[in-house]
C-alpha atoms as a PDB file:
ATOM      1  CA  MET A   1     -21.558   6.190  18.982  1.00  0.00           C
ATOM      2  CA  LYS A   2     -20.767   9.216  16.991  1.00  0.00           C
ATOM      3  CA  LYS A   3     -20.149   8.664  13.173  1.00  0.00           C
ATOM      4  CA  VAL A   4     -17.183   9.688  11.872  1.00  0.00           C
ATOM      5  CA  ASN A   5     -17.156  12.135   8.650  1.00  0.00           C
ATOM      6  CA  LEU A   6     -14.632  10.445   5.972  1.00  0.00           C
ATOM      7  CA  LEU A   7     -14.345  12.887   3.057  1.00  0.00           C
ATOM      8  CA  ILE A   8     -12.786  10.950  -0.310  1.00  0.00           C
ATOM      9  CA  LEU A   9     -10.756  13.420  -2.695  1.00  0.00           C
ATOM     10  CA  GLY A  10     -11.500  11.605  -6.022  1.00  0.00           C
ATOM     11  CA  ASN A  11     -13.410   8.710  -7.479  1.00  0.00           C
ATOM     12  CA  SER A  12     -10.330   6.785  -8.661  1.00  0.00           C
ATOM     13  CA  ASN A  13     -11.079   2.984 -10.278  1.00  0.00           C
ATOM     14  CA  PHE A  14      -9.837   1.612  -6.671  1.00  0.00           C
ATOM     15  CA  VAL A  15     -12.202   3.713  -4.790  1.00  0.00           C
ATOM     16  CA  LYS A  16     -15.311   2.515  -7.221  1.00  0.00           C
ATOM     17  CA  ARG A  17     -14.147  -1.103  -7.496  1.00  0.00           C
ATOM     18  CA  ARG A  18     -13.306  -1.599  -3.674  1.00  0.00           C
ATOM     19  CA  VAL A  19     -12.947   0.963  -1.207  1.00  0.00           C
ATOM     20  CA  VAL A  20     -16.917   1.905  -1.524  1.00  0.00           C
ATOM     21  CA  SER A  21     -18.037  -1.487  -1.319  1.00  0.00           C
ATOM     22  CA  SER A  22     -15.738  -1.811   2.207  1.00  0.00           C
ATOM     23  CA  LEU A  23     -17.039   1.384   3.660  1.00  0.00           C
ATOM     24  CA  ASN A  24     -20.473   0.425   3.343  1.00  0.00           C
ATOM     25  CA  LYS A  25     -19.930  -2.394   5.677  1.00  0.00           C
ATOM     26  CA  ILE A  26     -18.631  -0.195   8.443  1.00  0.00           C
ATOM     27  CA  LYS A  27     -21.834   1.683  10.546  1.00  0.00           C
ATOM     28  CA  GLU A  28     -19.455   4.041  12.090  1.00  0.00           C
ATOM     29  CA  ILE A  29     -18.130   5.789   9.028  1.00  0.00           C
ATOM     30  CA  GLU A  30     -20.354   7.834   6.799  1.00  0.00           C
ATOM     31  CA  TYR A  31     -18.589   9.182   3.520  1.00  0.00           C
ATOM     32  CA  LYS A  32     -19.071  11.615   0.705  1.00  0.00           C
ATOM     33  CA  ILE A  33     -16.771  11.704  -2.636  1.00  0.00           C
ATOM     34  CA  CYS A  34     -15.591  14.910  -4.287  1.00  0.00           C
ATOM     35  CA  SER A  35     -14.951  14.238  -8.196  1.00  0.00           C
ATOM     36  CA  LYS A  36     -14.634  16.823 -10.656  1.00  0.00           C
ATOM     37  CA  SER A  37     -15.789  14.749 -13.431  1.00  0.00           C
ATOM     38  CA  GLN A  38     -17.810  11.697 -12.257  1.00  0.00           C
ATOM     39  CA  LYS A  39     -21.334  11.644 -10.829  1.00  0.00           C
ATOM     40  CA  ASN A  40     -23.205   9.213  -8.436  1.00  0.00           C
ATOM     41  CA  LYS A  41     -25.100   9.107  -5.256  1.00  0.00           C
ATOM     42  CA  TYR A  42     -21.757   9.050  -3.058  1.00  0.00           C
ATOM     43  CA  ILE A  43     -20.237  12.549  -5.256  1.00  0.00           C
ATOM     44  CA  PHE A  44     -21.655  15.318  -3.085  1.00  0.00           C
ATOM     45  CA  PHE A  45     -18.702  18.279  -4.500  1.00  0.00           C
ATOM     46  CA  ASN A  46     -17.211  18.694  -7.665  1.00  0.00           C
ATOM     47  CA  ASP A  47     -14.310  21.096  -6.348  1.00  0.00           C
ATOM     48  CA  TYR A  48     -11.465  19.450  -3.788  1.00  0.00           C
ATOM     49  CA  LEU A  49     -11.065  22.773  -1.833  1.00  0.00           C
ATOM     50  CA  GLU A  50     -15.029  23.296  -1.575  1.00  0.00           C
ATOM     51  CA  ALA A  51     -15.149  20.143  -0.302  1.00  0.00           C
ATOM     52  CA  LEU A  52     -12.451  20.269   2.490  1.00  0.00           C
ATOM     53  CA  LYS A  53     -14.754  23.415   3.949  1.00  0.00           C
ATOM     54  CA  SER A  54     -17.003  20.496   4.747  1.00  0.00           C
ATOM     55  CA  LYS A  55     -14.709  19.865   7.850  1.00  0.00           C
ATOM     56  CA  PRO A  56     -14.567  16.098   7.599  1.00  0.00           C
ATOM     57  CA  ASP A  57     -12.748  14.534  10.432  1.00  0.00           C
ATOM     58  CA  ILE A  58     -10.720  12.405   8.013  1.00  0.00           C
ATOM     59  CA  VAL A  59      -9.792  12.843   4.117  1.00  0.00           C
ATOM     60  CA  TYR A  60      -8.890   9.930   2.108  1.00  0.00           C
ATOM     61  CA  ILE A  61      -6.894  11.045  -0.443  1.00  0.00           C
ATOM     62  CA  SER A  62      -7.288   8.778  -3.743  1.00  0.00           C
ATOM     63  CA  LEU A  63      -6.090  11.266  -6.082  1.00  0.00           C
ATOM     64  CA  VAL A  64      -3.142  10.951  -9.222  1.00  0.00           C
ATOM     65  CA  ASN A  65       0.354  10.547  -7.559  1.00  0.00           C
ATOM     66  CA  HIS A  66       1.823  14.049  -8.429  1.00  0.00           C
ATOM     67  CA  LEU A  67      -1.365  15.404  -6.153  1.00  0.00           C
ATOM     68  CA  HIS A  68      -0.755  13.635  -2.939  1.00  0.00           C
ATOM     69  CA  TYR A  69       1.687  15.454  -1.201  1.00  0.00           C
ATOM     70  CA  LYS A  70      -0.227  19.023  -2.106  1.00  0.00           C
ATOM     71  CA  TYR A  71      -3.102  17.894  -0.714  1.00  0.00           C
ATOM     72  CA  ALA A  72      -2.072  15.640   2.072  1.00  0.00           C
ATOM     73  CA  LYS A  73      -0.226  19.004   3.289  1.00  0.00           C
ATOM     74  CA  LEU A  74      -3.012  20.953   2.849  1.00  0.00           C
ATOM     75  CA  ALA A  75      -5.674  18.729   4.514  1.00  0.00           C
ATOM     76  CA  LEU A  76      -3.372  18.209   7.631  1.00  0.00           C
ATOM     77  CA  ASN A  77      -3.042  21.949   8.041  1.00  0.00           C
ATOM     78  CA  LYS A  78      -6.520  22.239   8.198  1.00  0.00           C
ATOM     79  CA  GLY A  79      -6.561  19.827  11.089  1.00  0.00           C
ATOM     80  CA  PHE A  80      -8.007  16.822   9.369  1.00  0.00           C
ATOM     81  CA  HIS A  81      -6.680  13.272  10.056  1.00  0.00           C
ATOM     82  CA  VAL A  82      -5.553  12.149   6.320  1.00  0.00           C
ATOM     83  CA  ILE A  83      -5.412   8.792   4.545  1.00  0.00           C
ATOM     84  CA  VAL A  84      -3.244   8.726   0.936  1.00  0.00           C
ATOM     85  CA  ASP A  85      -3.053   6.147  -1.525  1.00  0.00           C
ATOM     86  CA  LYS A  86       0.231   4.914  -2.137  1.00  0.00           C
ATOM     87  CA  PRO A  87       2.615   6.595  -2.716  1.00  0.00           C
ATOM     88  CA  LEU A  88       2.326   8.926   0.329  1.00  0.00           C
ATOM     89  CA  ALA A  89       4.615  11.322  -1.385  1.00  0.00           C
ATOM     90  CA  PRO A  90       7.189  11.395  -3.988  1.00  0.00           C
ATOM     91  CA  LYS A  91      10.325  12.209  -1.706  1.00  0.00           C
ATOM     92  CA  LEU A  92      11.559  11.114   1.659  1.00  0.00           C
ATOM     93  CA  TYR A  93      11.805  14.672   2.878  1.00  0.00           C
ATOM     94  CA  GLN A  94       7.790  15.141   1.755  1.00  0.00           C
ATOM     95  CA  VAL A  95       6.873  12.149   4.016  1.00  0.00           C
ATOM     96  CA  LYS A  96       8.768  14.193   6.779  1.00  0.00           C
ATOM     97  CA  GLU A  97       7.069  17.179   6.581  1.00  0.00           C
ATOM     98  CA  LEU A  98       3.555  15.666   6.498  1.00  0.00           C
ATOM     99  CA  ILE A  99       4.545  12.986   9.692  1.00  0.00           C
ATOM    100  CA  LYS A 100       6.206  16.724  11.378  1.00  0.00           C
ATOM    101  CA  ILE A 101       2.549  18.661  10.571  1.00  0.00           C
ATOM    102  CA  ALA A 102       0.707  14.988  11.874  1.00  0.00           C
ATOM    103  CA  LYS A 103       2.899  15.276  14.980  1.00  0.00           C
ATOM    104  CA  LYS A 104       2.459  18.779  15.594  1.00  0.00           C
ATOM    105  CA  LYS A 105      -1.546  18.713  15.438  1.00  0.00           C
ATOM    106  CA  LYS A 106      -1.669  15.326  17.144  1.00  0.00           C
ATOM    107  CA  LEU A 107      -2.980  13.732  13.735  1.00  0.00           C
ATOM    108  CA  LEU A 108      -3.311  10.847  11.827  1.00  0.00           C
ATOM    109  CA  ILE A 109      -1.194  10.188   8.472  1.00  0.00           C
ATOM    110  CA  SER A 110      -1.075   7.342   7.025  1.00  0.00           C
ATOM    111  CA  GLU A 111      -0.290   5.407   3.383  1.00  0.00           C
ATOM    112  CA  ALA A 112      -2.918   3.148   2.635  1.00  0.00           C
ATOM    113  CA  THR A 113      -0.654  -0.017   1.547  1.00  0.00           C
ATOM    114  CA  LEU A 114      -3.526  -2.327   2.402  1.00  0.00           C
ATOM    115  CA  PHE A 115      -2.687  -5.691   1.355  1.00  0.00           C
ATOM    116  CA  ASN A 116      -1.298  -7.429   4.440  1.00  0.00           C
ATOM    117  CA  TYR A 117      -4.367  -6.597   6.582  1.00  0.00           C
ATOM    118  CA  HIS A 118      -6.235  -9.803   5.301  1.00  0.00           C
ATOM    119  CA  ASN A 119      -5.973 -12.527   7.469  1.00  0.00           C
ATOM    120  CA  VAL A 120      -4.389 -14.949   4.620  1.00  0.00           C
ATOM    121  CA  PHE A 121      -0.868 -13.375   5.929  1.00  0.00           C
ATOM    122  CA  ARG A 122      -1.788 -14.094   9.434  1.00  0.00           C
ATOM    123  CA  LYS A 123      -2.449 -18.065   8.614  1.00  0.00           C
ATOM    124  CA  ILE A 124       0.751 -18.063   6.397  1.00  0.00           C
ATOM    125  CA  ASN A 125       2.884 -16.580   9.644  1.00  0.00           C
ATOM    126  CA  SER A 126       1.339 -19.191  11.693  1.00  0.00           C
ATOM    127  CA  LEU A 127       1.873 -22.107   9.195  1.00  0.00           C
ATOM    128  CA  ILE A 128       5.695 -20.409   8.960  1.00  0.00           C
ATOM    129  CA  GLY A 129       6.234 -20.751  13.032  1.00  0.00           C
ATOM    130  CA  GLY A 130       7.005 -16.670  12.397  1.00  0.00           C
ATOM    131  CA  ASN A 131       9.397 -14.502  10.952  1.00  0.00           C
ATOM    132  CA  LYS A 132      12.242 -16.336  12.670  1.00  0.00           C
ATOM    133  CA  ASN A 133      11.371 -19.125  10.530  1.00  0.00           C
ATOM    134  CA  LEU A 134      11.223 -17.503   7.081  1.00  0.00           C
ATOM    135  CA  ARG A 135      14.743 -17.940   4.928  1.00  0.00           C
ATOM    136  CA  PHE A 136      12.827 -16.539   1.830  1.00  0.00           C
ATOM    137  CA  ILE A 137      10.392 -14.670   0.267  1.00  0.00           C
ATOM    138  CA  GLN A 138       9.610 -14.061  -3.287  1.00  0.00           C
ATOM    139  CA  SER A 139       7.167 -11.477  -4.612  1.00  0.00           C
ATOM    140  CA  ASN A 140       5.951 -10.992  -8.721  1.00  0.00           C
ATOM    141  CA  PHE A 141       3.804  -8.239  -9.220  1.00  0.00           C
ATOM    142  CA  THR A 142       3.454  -7.741 -13.128  1.00  0.00           C
ATOM    143  CA  ILE A 143       0.268  -5.810 -14.714  1.00  0.00           C
ATOM    144  CA  PRO A 144      -0.502  -4.768 -18.526  1.00  0.00           C
ATOM    145  CA  GLN A 145       0.365  -1.327 -19.705  1.00  0.00           C
ATOM    146  CA  LYS A 146      -2.819   0.680 -19.495  1.00  0.00           C
ATOM    147  CA  LYS A 147      -1.664   3.875 -19.504  1.00  0.00           C
ATOM    148  CA  THR A 148       0.225   6.208 -22.374  1.00  0.00           C
ATOM    149  CA  LEU A 149       3.847   7.061 -21.409  1.00  0.00           C
ATOM    150  CA  LYS A 150       2.807  10.885 -21.333  1.00  0.00           C
ATOM    151  CA  GLN A 151       0.034  10.111 -18.902  1.00  0.00           C
ATOM    152  CA  ILE A 152       2.680   8.268 -16.733  1.00  0.00           C
ATOM    153  CA  GLU A 153       4.997  11.143 -16.824  1.00  0.00           C
ATOM    154  CA  LEU A 154       2.027  13.714 -16.392  1.00  0.00           C
ATOM    155  CA  THR A 155       0.944  11.929 -12.802  1.00  0.00           C
ATOM    156  CA  GLN A 156       4.000   9.843 -11.602  1.00  0.00           C
ATOM    157  CA  SER A 157       2.535   6.913 -12.020  1.00  0.00           C
ATOM    158  CA  ASP A 158       5.139   4.663 -13.276  1.00  0.00           C
ATOM    159  CA  CYS A 159       6.223   1.059 -12.064  1.00  0.00           C
ATOM    160  CA  PHE A 160       7.998   2.275  -9.261  1.00  0.00           C
ATOM    161  CA  MET A 161       6.148   4.993  -8.040  1.00  0.00           C
ATOM    162  CA  ASP A 162       2.860   2.759  -7.985  1.00  0.00           C
ATOM    163  CA  MET A 163       4.400  -0.688  -7.121  1.00  0.00           C
ATOM    164  CA  SER A 164       7.476   0.187  -4.611  1.00  0.00           C
ATOM    165  CA  PRO A 165       5.489   0.715  -1.808  1.00  0.00           C
ATOM    166  CA  TYR A 166       4.404  -3.242  -1.850  1.00  0.00           C
ATOM    167  CA  ALA A 167       8.316  -4.118  -1.716  1.00  0.00           C
ATOM    168  CA  SER A 168       8.885  -1.832   1.030  1.00  0.00           C
ATOM    169  CA  ALA A 169       5.927  -2.893   3.029  1.00  0.00           C
ATOM    170  CA  LEU A 170       6.877  -6.584   2.555  1.00  0.00           C
ATOM    171  CA  ILE A 171      11.008  -5.697   3.524  1.00  0.00           C
ATOM    172  CA  ARG A 172       9.342  -4.517   6.942  1.00  0.00           C
ATOM    173  CA  LEU A 173       6.790  -6.853   7.436  1.00  0.00           C
ATOM    174  CA  TYR A 174       8.803  -9.951   6.992  1.00  0.00           C
ATOM    175  CA  LEU A 175      12.815  -8.582   7.221  1.00  0.00           C
ATOM    176  CA  ASP A 176      11.539  -6.585  10.658  1.00  0.00           C
ATOM    177  CA  SER A 177      13.451  -3.727   9.165  1.00  0.00           C
ATOM    178  CA  LYS A 178      17.199  -5.346   9.966  1.00  0.00           C
ATOM    179  CA  ILE A 179      18.315  -4.896   6.536  1.00  0.00           C
ATOM    180  CA  LYS A 180      22.080  -5.642   5.923  1.00  0.00           C
ATOM    181  CA  LYS A 181      21.834  -5.196   2.071  1.00  0.00           C
ATOM    182  CA  LEU A 182      19.515  -3.867  -0.688  1.00  0.00           C
ATOM    183  CA  THR A 183      20.572  -4.418  -4.434  1.00  0.00           C
ATOM    184  CA  PHE A 184      18.067  -3.267  -7.097  1.00  0.00           C
ATOM    185  CA  PHE A 185      18.005  -2.851 -10.669  1.00  0.00           C
ATOM    186  CA  ASN A 186      15.650  -0.998 -12.996  1.00  0.00           C
ATOM    187  CA  GLU A 187      14.748  -0.766 -16.814  1.00  0.00           C
ATOM    188  CA  LYS A 188      13.270   2.333 -18.283  1.00  0.00           C
ATOM    189  CA  PHE A 189      10.970   2.919 -20.909  1.00  0.00           C
ATOM    190  CA  LYS A 190      12.918   3.485 -24.542  1.00  0.00           C
ATOM    191  CA  ASN A 191      14.002   7.358 -24.393  1.00  0.00           C
ATOM    192  CA  ASN A 192      12.348   8.152 -21.291  1.00  0.00           C
ATOM    193  CA  LYS A 193      12.933   8.421 -17.608  1.00  0.00           C
ATOM    194  CA  SER A 194      10.275   6.491 -16.046  1.00  0.00           C
ATOM    195  CA  ILE A 195      10.570   3.052 -14.672  1.00  0.00           C
ATOM    196  CA  LYS A 196       9.017   0.221 -16.701  1.00  0.00           C
ATOM    197  CA  ASN A 197       9.854  -2.550 -14.197  1.00  0.00           C
ATOM    198  CA  PHE A 198      12.294  -3.270 -11.332  1.00  0.00           C
ATOM    199  CA  TYR A 199      13.878  -6.027  -9.365  1.00  0.00           C
ATOM    200  CA  ILE A 200      14.679  -5.526  -5.774  1.00  0.00           C
ATOM    201  CA  LEU A 201      17.122  -8.368  -3.754  1.00  0.00           C
ATOM    202  CA  ALA A 202      17.045  -7.133   0.394  1.00  0.00           C
ATOM    203  CA  LYS A 203      18.729  -9.249   2.830  1.00  0.00           C
ATOM    204  CA  ASN A 204      18.982  -9.489   6.961  1.00  0.00           C
ATOM    205  CA  SER A 205      21.120 -11.976   9.017  1.00  0.00           C
ATOM    206  CA  LYS A 206      18.399 -14.953   8.217  1.00  0.00           C
ATOM    207  CA  THR A 207      16.046 -13.702   5.245  1.00  0.00           C
ATOM    208  CA  LYS A 208      16.081 -13.150   1.729  1.00  0.00           C
ATOM    209  CA  TYR A 209      13.558 -11.191  -0.475  1.00  0.00           C
ATOM    210  CA  PHE A 210      13.195 -10.725  -4.128  1.00  0.00           C
ATOM    211  CA  GLY A 211      10.741  -8.445  -5.838  1.00  0.00           C
ATOM    212  CA  ASN A 212      10.016  -8.575  -9.541  1.00  0.00           C
ATOM    213  CA  PHE A 213       7.601  -5.875 -10.297  1.00  0.00           C
ATOM    214  CA  ALA A 214       6.507  -4.281 -14.142  1.00  0.00           C
ATOM    215  CA  VAL A 215       4.048  -2.962 -16.131  1.00  0.00           C
ATOM    216  CA  GLY A 216       3.698  -4.409 -19.837  1.00  0.00           C
ATOM    217  CA  ARG A 217       3.427  -7.652 -19.105  1.00  0.00           C
ATOM    218  CA  GLU A 218       1.119 -10.178 -18.231  1.00  0.00           C
ATOM    219  CA  TYR A 219      -0.935  -9.743 -15.177  1.00  0.00           C
ATOM    220  CA  LEU A 220       0.880 -11.653 -12.440  1.00  0.00           C
ATOM    221  CA  SER A 221       0.316 -11.284  -8.477  1.00  0.00           C
ATOM    222  CA  GLN A 222       2.203 -13.816  -6.508  1.00  0.00           C
ATOM    223  CA  ILE A 223       3.913 -14.035  -2.840  1.00  0.00           C
ATOM    224  CA  ILE A 224       6.131 -17.134  -2.319  1.00  0.00           C
ATOM    225  CA  PHE A 225       7.257 -17.824   1.223  1.00  0.00           C
ATOM    226  CA  THR A 226       9.948 -20.429   1.967  1.00  0.00           C
ATOM    227  CA  SER A 227      10.816 -22.125   5.378  1.00  0.00           C
ATOM    228  CA  GLU A 228      13.264 -24.656   5.800  1.00  0.00           C
ATOM    229  CA  LYS A 229      10.544 -27.184   5.684  1.00  0.00           C
ATOM    230  CA  LYS A 230       7.593 -25.461   4.028  1.00  0.00           C
ATOM    231  CA  ILE A 231       6.860 -23.751   0.691  1.00  0.00           C
ATOM    232  CA  ILE A 232       3.387 -21.625   0.859  1.00  0.00           C
ATOM    233  CA  TYR A 233       2.305 -19.926  -2.822  1.00  0.00           C
ATOM    234  CA  LEU A 234      -0.426 -17.081  -2.347  1.00  0.00           C
ATOM    235  CA  ASP A 235      -0.503 -17.285  -6.200  1.00  0.00           C
ATOM    236  CA  PHE A 236      -3.863 -15.297  -7.045  1.00  0.00           C
ATOM    237  CA  GLN A 237      -4.046 -11.397  -6.447  1.00  0.00           C
ATOM    238  CA  ALA A 238      -1.997 -11.538  -3.609  1.00  0.00           C
ATOM    239  CA  PHE A 239      -1.277  -7.801  -3.680  1.00  0.00           C
ATOM    240  CA  ALA A 240      -5.229  -7.047  -3.711  1.00  0.00           C
ATOM    241  CA  LEU A 241      -7.145  -9.898  -2.484  1.00  0.00           C
ATOM    242  CA  PRO A 242     -10.965 -10.255  -3.039  1.00  0.00           C
ATOM    243  CA  SER A 243     -13.433  -9.551  -0.369  1.00  0.00           C
ATOM    244  CA  ASN A 244     -16.174 -11.515  -1.880  1.00  0.00           C
ATOM    245  CA  LYS A 245     -14.477 -15.395  -1.733  1.00  0.00           C
ATOM    246  CA  LYS A 246     -12.223 -17.842   0.024  1.00  0.00           C
ATOM    247  CA  ILE A 247      -8.640 -17.356  -1.108  1.00  0.00           C
ATOM    248  CA  LYS A 248      -6.864 -20.604  -1.357  1.00  0.00           C
ATOM    249  CA  ILE A 249      -3.068 -20.735  -0.374  1.00  0.00           C
ATOM    250  CA  ILE A 250      -0.736 -23.866  -1.793  1.00  0.00           C
ATOM    251  CA  ILE A 251       1.492 -25.874   0.623  1.00  0.00           C
ATOM    252  CA  LYS A 252       4.410 -27.800   0.020  1.00  0.00           C
ATOM    253  CA  GLU A 253       6.033 -30.010   2.414  1.00  0.00           C
ATOM    254  CA  ASN A 254       8.039 -33.089   2.094  1.00  0.00           C
ATOM    255  CA  ASN A 255       7.163 -32.989  -1.778  1.00  0.00           C
ATOM    256  CA  ASN A 256       3.718 -32.974  -1.369  1.00  0.00           C
ATOM    257  CA  PHE A 257       1.254 -30.080  -2.262  1.00  0.00           C
ATOM    258  CA  LYS A 258      -2.178 -29.357  -0.425  1.00  0.00           C
ATOM    259  CA  ASN A 259      -4.634 -26.535  -0.565  1.00  0.00           C
ATOM    260  CA  ILE A 260      -6.071 -24.709   2.120  1.00  0.00           C
ATOM    261  CA  TYR A 261      -9.188 -22.219   1.849  1.00  0.00           C
ATOM    262  CA  LEU A 262      -9.594 -19.571   4.040  1.00  0.00           C
ATOM    263  CA  ASN A 263     -12.519 -17.777   5.002  1.00  0.00           C
ATOM    264  CA  LYS A 264     -13.470 -14.572   3.362  1.00  0.00           C
ATOM    265  CA  ASP A 265     -12.075 -11.574   4.982  1.00  0.00           C
ATOM    266  CA  ASP A 266     -12.041  -7.858   3.690  1.00  0.00           C
ATOM    267  CA  SER A 267      -8.240  -6.280   3.678  1.00  0.00           C
ATOM    268  CA  ILE A 268      -9.978  -2.940   3.241  1.00  0.00           C
ATOM    269  CA  LYS A 269     -12.401  -3.180   5.855  1.00  0.00           C
ATOM    270  CA  ASN A 270      -9.781  -4.320   8.558  1.00  0.00           C
ATOM    271  CA  TYR A 271      -7.529  -1.174   7.606  1.00  0.00           C
ATOM    272  CA  PHE A 272     -10.331   1.217   8.508  1.00  0.00           C
ATOM    273  CA  ASN A 273     -11.462  -0.450  11.306  1.00  0.00           C
ATOM    274  CA  LYS A 274      -7.523   0.122  12.436  1.00  0.00           C
ATOM    275  CA  ILE A 275      -7.793   3.460  11.496  1.00  0.00           C
ATOM    276  CA  LEU A 276     -10.698   4.029  13.784  1.00  0.00           C
ATOM    277  CA  PHE A 277      -9.593   2.331  16.641  1.00  0.00           C
ATOM    278  CA  SER A 278      -6.232   4.411  16.436  1.00  0.00           C
ATOM    279  CA  ILE A 279      -8.188   7.851  16.191  1.00  0.00           C
ATOM    280  CA  ASN A 280     -10.386   6.973  18.958  1.00  0.00           C
ATOM    281  CA  ASN A 281      -7.451   6.132  20.985  1.00  0.00           C
ATOM    282  CA  LYS A 282      -5.242   8.943  19.798  1.00  0.00           C
ATOM    283  CA  ARG A 283      -2.581   6.241  18.875  1.00  0.00           C
ATOM    284  CA  PHE A 284      -0.612   7.284  15.650  1.00  0.00           C
ATOM    285  CA  ASP A 285       2.943   6.356  16.173  1.00  0.00           C
ATOM    286  CA  GLU A 286       2.645   2.678  14.337  1.00  0.00           C
ATOM    287  CA  PHE A 287       1.429   4.425  11.154  1.00  0.00           C
ATOM    288  CA  TYR A 288       4.063   7.562  11.297  1.00  0.00           C
ATOM    289  CA  ASN A 289       6.738   4.513  11.610  1.00  0.00           C
ATOM    290  CA  PHE A 290       5.451   2.510   8.566  1.00  0.00           C
ATOM    291  CA  ALA A 291       4.935   5.732   6.358  1.00  0.00           C
ATOM    292  CA  LEU A 292       8.720   6.705   7.582  1.00  0.00           C
ATOM    293  CA  HIS A 293      10.376   3.211   7.009  1.00  0.00           C
ATOM    294  CA  ASP A 294       8.830   2.550   3.717  1.00  0.00           C
ATOM    295  CA  SER A 295       9.572   5.705   2.430  1.00  0.00           C
ATOM    296  CA  LYS A 296      13.315   5.545   3.869  1.00  0.00           C
ATOM    297  CA  ILE A 297      13.516   2.095   1.559  1.00  0.00           C
ATOM    298  CA  LYS A 298      11.714   4.124  -1.687  1.00  0.00           C
ATOM    299  CA  SER A 299      14.415   6.482  -1.312  1.00  0.00           C
ATOM    300  CA  MET A 300      17.467   4.188  -0.660  1.00  0.00           C
ATOM    301  CA  ILE A 301      16.131   2.390  -3.972  1.00  0.00           C
ATOM    302  CA  ILE A 302      15.619   5.566  -6.049  1.00  0.00           C
ATOM    303  CA  LYS A 303      19.273   7.377  -5.219  1.00  0.00           C
ATOM    304  CA  GLY A 304      20.307   5.229  -8.324  1.00  0.00           C
ATOM    305  CA  LYS A 305      22.912   2.986  -6.432  1.00  0.00           C
ATOM    306  CA  LYS A 306      22.777  -0.824  -7.643  1.00  0.00           C
ATOM    307  CA  SER A 307      23.984  -1.895  -4.099  1.00  0.00           C
ATOM    308  CA  ILE A 308      23.317  -0.086  -0.690  1.00  0.00           C
ATOM    309  CA  ASN A 309      24.609  -1.520   2.315  1.00  0.00           C
ATOM    310  CA  ILE A 310      22.738  -0.430   5.644  1.00  0.00           C
END
């Protein structure tokens, strides 16, 4: 089988910590990295435009947020499939434009929100009995603040831009996109427009979702699933599950707790394998729909209304 050439624009911490090790497990992909400031054995370019002249099959954009839209549009117009780290683009109209270009050129465009490609989520869904039995989902994702406020502003990487894709994806996955009401609150940094934390409540006819997202707090990455008979806790690194260890889930039923350990799995490898399948079969609608849905949810949140009936 012919190898797929993947060009990574940007050697982000996420690429270094997680993506490279996962790509090394996929024999169908050969990858090269472009970084303006770093060097290692995988970095072949130090200029993004020059790197695009290498004519890759797929361009994976792992740059700072405010450059995502610019280079995604450029890569699509050059005829390459495109994957973009979250967020795909800051504005809904930009996401629609990227999807329009991709459809016209019969190319992939995908926002790399990856957490749910781990097998633990299939197991939890099975234990609950499917979305029809879910009554409440809660997510907590809080992290220490590592960037200065100036860096956050310059790169458009506040709490909302970095974390709202997780909230949007959970709504898509577990409320089946049938939202009746969306309510949110946010807190901004002092004397600044950047969002420090936000809270979101979404509901359909059967299920409610509450999300708590913040920077400047102790690290917590947790999702809790509640049905009428069970509560299931995914209580550690829920949005970035490690690929090198078994994953523990906690089940509470009839006031008793038990732990289940799932075998190691690699959500990033699974995601890229699905990308390859979609490209080989020229089936991109699922990724278009995911990107559009999640951007619409983010757009509703950012409009500034406290409560939205849909």
